[in-house]
Amino acid sequence: MQRQPGERVILGIDPGTTIMGYGVLLIRGNRPLMIAMGVLELKKYSDHYLKIQKIFERVIQLIDSYHPDELAIEAPFYGKNVQSMLKLGRAQGVAMAAALSRSIPIFEYAPLRIKQAITGRGSASKEQVALFLKQLLKLEVEPEYYDATDGLAAAMCHFLQSNVPASGTGVKSWKEFMAKNPSRVKK
């Protein structure tokens, strides 16, 4: 994929040990464009460690294909089933390890935060998230699984968060502000 100066790519992942969803956004200027969305189906594998291996391999393939600048990943939500939580945490961890092996910065978002960023409501359904993404990104494709739009939602959430700094200055510290704005700092 040929990129222009100033463009960036965000890989979003919705980790799972049954289905892992992913979405890839190209950010051109201040405009996000969906360049890929899909799932890795893991139902056919009964061995948990083989599933983990397949997740790692697929994330590496996505990284090598799209060369993302950042990875946005959905954090596991706290549930009552400890075993499910552990498996989900492993799936997330191996996706993160794949990104780290390629020196890609990772940004983790809670499911509630992602839904809120996309729809304005943290209690939104997967269907509502998919509908909002379809409108925001002018998508013409209907995903087979909502896990794909959940992965895309993680990427979109990161785009929205990284383009609207809480301080309104685009900096994370006073030191950074002074370095970027020497004319505004009194000596």
C-alpha atoms as a PDB file:
ATOM      1  CA  MET A   1       0.000   0.000   0.000  1.00  0.00           C
ATOM      2  CA  GLN A   2       1.481   3.314  -1.103  1.00  0.00           C
ATOM      3  CA  ARG A   3       1.125   6.091   1.483  1.00  0.00           C
ATOM      4  CA  GLN A   4       1.427   9.834   1.134  1.00  0.00           C
ATOM      5  CA  PRO A   5       3.420  11.978   3.585  1.00  0.00           C
ATOM      6  CA  GLY A   6       1.430  12.741   6.717  1.00  0.00           C
ATOM      7  CA  GLU A   7      -0.883   9.756   6.370  1.00  0.00           C
ATOM      8  CA  ARG A   8      -1.102   7.186   9.122  1.00  0.00           C
ATOM      9  CA  VAL A   9      -2.646   3.771   9.525  1.00  0.00           C
ATOM     10  CA  ILE A  10      -4.440   2.452  12.608  1.00  0.00           C
ATOM     11  CA  LEU A  11      -5.054  -1.268  13.117  1.00  0.00           C
ATOM     12  CA  GLY A  12      -7.978  -1.972  15.432  1.00  0.00           C
ATOM     13  CA  ILE A  13      -8.498  -5.344  17.048  1.00  0.00           C
ATOM     14  CA  ASP A  14     -11.403  -6.896  18.924  1.00  0.00           C
ATOM     15  CA  PRO A  15      -9.653  -9.875  20.548  1.00  0.00           C
ATOM     16  CA  GLY A  16     -11.388 -13.190  20.952  1.00  0.00           C
ATOM     17  CA  THR A  17     -10.624 -16.897  21.054  1.00  0.00           C
ATOM     18  CA  THR A  18     -13.644 -17.840  18.937  1.00  0.00           C
ATOM     19  CA  ILE A  19     -13.622 -14.879  16.541  1.00  0.00           C
ATOM     20  CA  MET A  20     -11.078 -12.057  16.422  1.00  0.00           C
ATOM     21  CA  GLY A  21     -12.294  -8.949  14.621  1.00  0.00           C
ATOM     22  CA  TYR A  22     -10.060  -6.381  12.976  1.00  0.00           C
ATOM     23  CA  GLY A  23     -10.335  -3.133  11.085  1.00  0.00           C
ATOM     24  CA  VAL A  24      -7.738  -0.957   9.382  1.00  0.00           C
ATOM     25  CA  LEU A  25      -8.123   2.801   8.960  1.00  0.00           C
ATOM     26  CA  LEU A  26      -6.054   5.043   6.734  1.00  0.00           C
ATOM     27  CA  ILE A  27      -5.994   8.578   8.114  1.00  0.00           C
ATOM     28  CA  ARG A  28      -5.599  11.074   5.301  1.00  0.00           C
ATOM     29  CA  GLY A  29      -5.391  14.579   6.703  1.00  0.00           C
ATOM     30  CA  ASN A  30      -8.168  14.564   9.260  1.00  0.00           C
ATOM     31  CA  ARG A  31     -10.305  12.046   7.377  1.00  0.00           C
ATOM     32  CA  PRO A  32     -10.503   8.339   8.258  1.00  0.00           C
ATOM     33  CA  LEU A  33     -10.941   5.815   5.431  1.00  0.00           C
ATOM     34  CA  MET A  34     -11.604   2.136   5.985  1.00  0.00           C
ATOM     35  CA  ILE A  35      -9.102   0.048   4.006  1.00  0.00           C
ATOM     36  CA  ALA A  36      -9.787  -3.377   5.517  1.00  0.00           C
ATOM     37  CA  MET A  37     -12.140  -5.119   7.890  1.00  0.00           C
ATOM     38  CA  GLY A  38     -12.597  -8.770   8.691  1.00  0.00           C
ATOM     39  CA  VAL A  39     -12.396 -11.614  11.152  1.00  0.00           C
ATOM     40  CA  LEU A  40     -10.216 -14.539  12.039  1.00  0.00           C
ATOM     41  CA  GLU A  41     -12.468 -17.500  12.772  1.00  0.00           C
ATOM     42  CA  LEU A  42     -11.037 -19.801  15.401  1.00  0.00           C
ATOM     43  CA  LYS A  43     -14.042 -22.071  16.053  1.00  0.00           C
ATOM     44  CA  LYS A  44     -12.515 -24.921  14.073  1.00  0.00           C
ATOM     45  CA  TYR A  45      -9.553 -25.208  16.463  1.00  0.00           C
ATOM     46  CA  SER A  46     -10.165 -27.073  19.690  1.00  0.00           C
ATOM     47  CA  ASP A  47      -6.684 -26.515  21.147  1.00  0.00           C
ATOM     48  CA  HIS A  48      -6.481 -23.165  22.959  1.00  0.00           C
ATOM     49  CA  TYR A  49      -2.735 -22.824  22.320  1.00  0.00           C
ATOM     50  CA  LEU A  50      -3.240 -23.347  18.594  1.00  0.00           C
ATOM     51  CA  LYS A  51      -5.839 -20.543  18.664  1.00  0.00           C
ATOM     52  CA  ILE A  52      -3.301 -18.269  20.361  1.00  0.00           C
ATOM     53  CA  GLN A  53      -0.725 -19.150  17.703  1.00  0.00           C
ATOM     54  CA  LYS A  54      -3.229 -18.385  14.900  1.00  0.00           C
ATOM     55  CA  ILE A  55      -4.046 -14.997  16.477  1.00  0.00           C
ATOM     56  CA  PHE A  56      -0.348 -14.103  16.655  1.00  0.00           C
ATOM     57  CA  GLU A  57       0.251 -15.180  13.035  1.00  0.00           C
ATOM     58  CA  ARG A  58      -2.785 -13.282  11.709  1.00  0.00           C
ATOM     59  CA  VAL A  59      -1.895 -10.066  13.538  1.00  0.00           C
ATOM     60  CA  ILE A  60       1.647 -10.310  12.142  1.00  0.00           C
ATOM     61  CA  GLN A  61       0.166 -10.782   8.638  1.00  0.00           C
ATOM     62  CA  LEU A  62      -2.046  -7.700   9.104  1.00  0.00           C
ATOM     63  CA  ILE A  63       0.928  -5.676  10.323  1.00  0.00           C
ATOM     64  CA  ASP A  64       3.111  -6.803   7.432  1.00  0.00           C
ATOM     65  CA  SER A  65       0.324  -6.071   4.913  1.00  0.00           C
ATOM     66  CA  TYR A  66      -0.870  -2.672   6.125  1.00  0.00           C
ATOM     67  CA  HIS A  67       2.138  -1.330   8.087  1.00  0.00           C
ATOM     68  CA  PRO A  68       0.077   0.331  10.833  1.00  0.00           C
ATOM     69  CA  ASP A  69       1.538   3.165  12.852  1.00  0.00           C
ATOM     70  CA  GLU A  70      -0.574   2.277  15.890  1.00  0.00           C
ATOM     71  CA  LEU A  71      -2.618  -0.593  17.296  1.00  0.00           C
ATOM     72  CA  ALA A  72      -5.910   0.136  19.038  1.00  0.00           C
ATOM     73  CA  ILE A  73      -7.220  -2.848  20.949  1.00  0.00           C
ATOM     74  CA  GLU A  74     -10.335  -3.489  22.980  1.00  0.00           C
ATOM     75  CA  ALA A  75      -9.569  -4.299  26.604  1.00  0.00           C
ATOM     76  CA  PRO A  76     -11.166  -7.416  28.050  1.00  0.00           C
ATOM     77  CA  PHE A  77     -14.280  -6.562  30.018  1.00  0.00           C
ATOM     78  CA  TYR A  78     -14.724  -7.900  33.512  1.00  0.00           C
ATOM     79  CA  GLY A  79     -17.133 -10.807  33.581  1.00  0.00           C
ATOM     80  CA  LYS A  80     -18.276 -13.466  36.009  1.00  0.00           C
ATOM     81  CA  ASN A  81     -16.565 -16.339  34.189  1.00  0.00           C
ATOM     82  CA  VAL A  82     -12.919 -16.237  35.215  1.00  0.00           C
ATOM     83  CA  GLN A  83     -11.853 -18.856  32.625  1.00  0.00           C
ATOM     84  CA  SER A  84     -13.378 -16.851  29.767  1.00  0.00           C
ATOM     85  CA  MET A  85     -11.692 -13.720  31.066  1.00  0.00           C
ATOM     86  CA  LEU A  86      -8.343 -15.522  31.188  1.00  0.00           C
ATOM     87  CA  LYS A  87      -8.693 -16.806  27.614  1.00  0.00           C
ATOM     88  CA  LEU A  88      -9.728 -13.376  26.359  1.00  0.00           C
ATOM     89  CA  GLY A  89      -6.764 -11.811  28.166  1.00  0.00           C
ATOM     90  CA  ARG A  90      -4.437 -14.278  26.476  1.00  0.00           C
ATOM     91  CA  ALA A  91      -5.914 -13.449  23.062  1.00  0.00           C
ATOM     92  CA  GLN A  92      -5.419  -9.752  23.747  1.00  0.00           C
ATOM     93  CA  GLY A  93      -1.907 -10.332  25.076  1.00  0.00           C
ATOM     94  CA  VAL A  94      -0.762 -12.291  22.049  1.00  0.00           C
ATOM     95  CA  ALA A  95      -2.153  -9.629  19.677  1.00  0.00           C
ATOM     96  CA  MET A  96      -0.265  -7.021  21.698  1.00  0.00           C
ATOM     97  CA  ALA A  97       2.903  -9.151  21.593  1.00  0.00           C
ATOM     98  CA  ALA A  98       2.645  -9.301  17.800  1.00  0.00           C
ATOM     99  CA  ALA A  99       2.452  -5.491  17.645  1.00  0.00           C
ATOM    100  CA  LEU A 100       5.313  -5.117  20.099  1.00  0.00           C
ATOM    101  CA  SER A 101       7.450  -7.493  18.027  1.00  0.00           C
ATOM    102  CA  ARG A 102       7.143  -4.930  15.212  1.00  0.00           C
ATOM    103  CA  SER A 103       7.616  -1.900  17.540  1.00  0.00           C
ATOM    104  CA  ILE A 104       4.052  -0.646  17.049  1.00  0.00           C
ATOM    105  CA  PRO A 105       2.620   1.500  19.872  1.00  0.00           C
ATOM    106  CA  ILE A 106      -0.458   0.027  21.548  1.00  0.00           C
ATOM    107  CA  PHE A 107      -3.526   1.913  22.768  1.00  0.00           C
ATOM    108  CA  GLU A 108      -6.060   0.026  24.845  1.00  0.00           C
ATOM    109  CA  TYR A 109      -9.707   1.078  25.176  1.00  0.00           C
ATOM    110  CA  ALA A 110     -12.498  -0.294  27.342  1.00  0.00           C
ATOM    111  CA  PRO A 111     -15.552  -1.538  25.410  1.00  0.00           C
ATOM    112  CA  LEU A 112     -17.686   1.173  27.044  1.00  0.00           C
ATOM    113  CA  ARG A 113     -15.219   3.859  25.904  1.00  0.00           C
ATOM    114  CA  ILE A 114     -15.245   2.569  22.316  1.00  0.00           C
ATOM    115  CA  LYS A 115     -19.045   2.489  22.147  1.00  0.00           C
ATOM    116  CA  GLN A 116     -19.229   5.954  23.659  1.00  0.00           C
ATOM    117  CA  ALA A 117     -16.706   7.361  21.159  1.00  0.00           C
ATOM    118  CA  ILE A 118     -18.610   5.938  18.187  1.00  0.00           C
ATOM    119  CA  THR A 119     -22.261   6.329  19.207  1.00  0.00           C
ATOM    120  CA  GLY A 120     -22.204   8.734  22.141  1.00  0.00           C
ATOM    121  CA  ARG A 121     -23.606   5.993  24.400  1.00  0.00           C
ATOM    122  CA  GLY A 122     -21.527   3.485  26.344  1.00  0.00           C
ATOM    123  CA  SER A 123     -24.491   1.112  26.447  1.00  0.00           C
ATOM    124  CA  ALA A 124     -24.891   0.943  22.653  1.00  0.00           C
ATOM    125  CA  SER A 125     -25.390  -2.467  21.048  1.00  0.00           C
ATOM    126  CA  LYS A 126     -23.010  -4.033  18.525  1.00  0.00           C
ATOM    127  CA  GLU A 127     -25.643  -3.358  15.850  1.00  0.00           C
ATOM    128  CA  GLN A 128     -25.770   0.344  16.754  1.00  0.00           C
ATOM    129  CA  VAL A 129     -21.954   0.598  16.660  1.00  0.00           C
ATOM    130  CA  ALA A 130     -21.955  -1.024  13.213  1.00  0.00           C
ATOM    131  CA  LEU A 131     -24.668   1.356  11.972  1.00  0.00           C
ATOM    132  CA  PHE A 132     -22.820   4.443  13.218  1.00  0.00           C
ATOM    133  CA  LEU A 133     -19.569   3.241  11.629  1.00  0.00           C
ATOM    134  CA  LYS A 134     -21.380   2.635   8.359  1.00  0.00           C
ATOM    135  CA  GLN A 135     -22.571   6.259   8.400  1.00  0.00           C
ATOM    136  CA  LEU A 136     -19.316   7.798   9.695  1.00  0.00           C
ATOM    137  CA  LEU A 137     -17.097   5.970   7.214  1.00  0.00           C
ATOM    138  CA  LYS A 138     -19.650   5.729   4.383  1.00  0.00           C
ATOM    139  CA  LEU A 139     -19.277   1.949   4.297  1.00  0.00           C
ATOM    140  CA  GLU A 140     -21.056  -0.025   1.638  1.00  0.00           C
ATOM    141  CA  VAL A 141     -20.128  -3.469   2.941  1.00  0.00           C
ATOM    142  CA  GLU A 142     -22.135  -5.465   5.456  1.00  0.00           C
ATOM    143  CA  PRO A 143     -19.857  -7.468   7.738  1.00  0.00           C
ATOM    144  CA  GLU A 144     -20.723 -11.101   8.345  1.00  0.00           C
ATOM    145  CA  TYR A 145     -19.806 -10.711  12.026  1.00  0.00           C
ATOM    146  CA  TYR A 146     -20.051  -7.710  14.316  1.00  0.00           C
ATOM    147  CA  ASP A 147     -16.588  -8.631  15.607  1.00  0.00           C
ATOM    148  CA  ALA A 148     -15.227  -7.039  12.405  1.00  0.00           C
ATOM    149  CA  THR A 149     -17.015  -3.750  13.067  1.00  0.00           C
ATOM    150  CA  ASP A 150     -15.899  -3.956  16.712  1.00  0.00           C
ATOM    151  CA  GLY A 151     -12.277  -4.109  15.526  1.00  0.00           C
ATOM    152  CA  LEU A 152     -12.922  -1.178  13.203  1.00  0.00           C
ATOM    153  CA  ALA A 153     -14.607   0.651  16.108  1.00  0.00           C
ATOM    154  CA  ALA A 154     -11.438   0.279  18.215  1.00  0.00           C
ATOM    155  CA  ALA A 155      -9.425   1.915  15.402  1.00  0.00           C
ATOM    156  CA  MET A 156     -12.035   4.666  14.959  1.00  0.00           C
ATOM    157  CA  CYS A 157     -12.139   5.303  18.708  1.00  0.00           C
ATOM    158  CA  HIS A 158      -8.371   5.754  18.705  1.00  0.00           C
ATOM    159  CA  PHE A 159      -8.575   8.119  15.732  1.00  0.00           C
ATOM    160  CA  LEU A 160     -11.225  10.204  17.499  1.00  0.00           C
ATOM    161  CA  GLN A 161      -9.311  10.214  20.798  1.00  0.00           C
ATOM    162  CA  SER A 162      -5.997  11.122  19.203  1.00  0.00           C
ATOM    163  CA  ASN A 163      -7.505  13.967  17.160  1.00  0.00           C
ATOM    164  CA  VAL A 164      -9.391  15.642  19.991  1.00  0.00           C
ATOM    165  CA  PRO A 165      -6.964  16.278  22.837  1.00  0.00           C
ATOM    166  CA  ALA A 166      -8.618  16.867  26.196  1.00  0.00           C
ATOM    167  CA  SER A 167      -6.562  20.024  26.717  1.00  0.00           C
ATOM    168  CA  GLY A 168      -7.329  21.386  23.271  1.00  0.00           C
ATOM    169  CA  THR A 169      -3.616  22.057  22.750  1.00  0.00           C
ATOM    170  CA  GLY A 170      -2.518  18.759  21.226  1.00  0.00           C
ATOM    171  CA  VAL A 171       0.140  18.233  23.906  1.00  0.00           C
ATOM    172  CA  LYS A 172       0.354  15.920  26.902  1.00  0.00           C
ATOM    173  CA  SER A 173       2.530  17.935  29.279  1.00  0.00           C
ATOM    174  CA  TRP A 174       3.702  21.456  30.076  1.00  0.00           C
ATOM    175  CA  LYS A 175       7.184  20.573  28.887  1.00  0.00           C
ATOM    176  CA  GLU A 176       5.813  19.470  25.496  1.00  0.00           C
ATOM    177  CA  PHE A 177       3.624  22.595  25.287  1.00  0.00           C
ATOM    178  CA  MET A 178       6.620  24.886  25.912  1.00  0.00           C
ATOM    179  CA  ALA A 179       8.729  23.048  23.342  1.00  0.00           C
ATOM    180  CA  LYS A 180       6.010  23.316  20.672  1.00  0.00           C
ATOM    181  CA  ASN A 181       5.007  26.894  21.505  1.00  0.00           C
ATOM    182  CA  PRO A 182       8.128  28.916  22.374  1.00  0.00           C
ATOM    183  CA  SER A 183       6.495  32.208  21.341  1.00  0.00           C
ATOM    184  CA  ARG A 184       3.703  31.684  23.867  1.00  0.00           C
ATOM    185  CA  VAL A 185       6.012  31.046  26.823  1.00  0.00           C
ATOM    186  CA  LYS A 186       7.143  34.045  28.880  1.00  0.00           C
ATOM    187  CA  LYS A 187      10.737  33.939  30.070  1.00  0.00           C
END
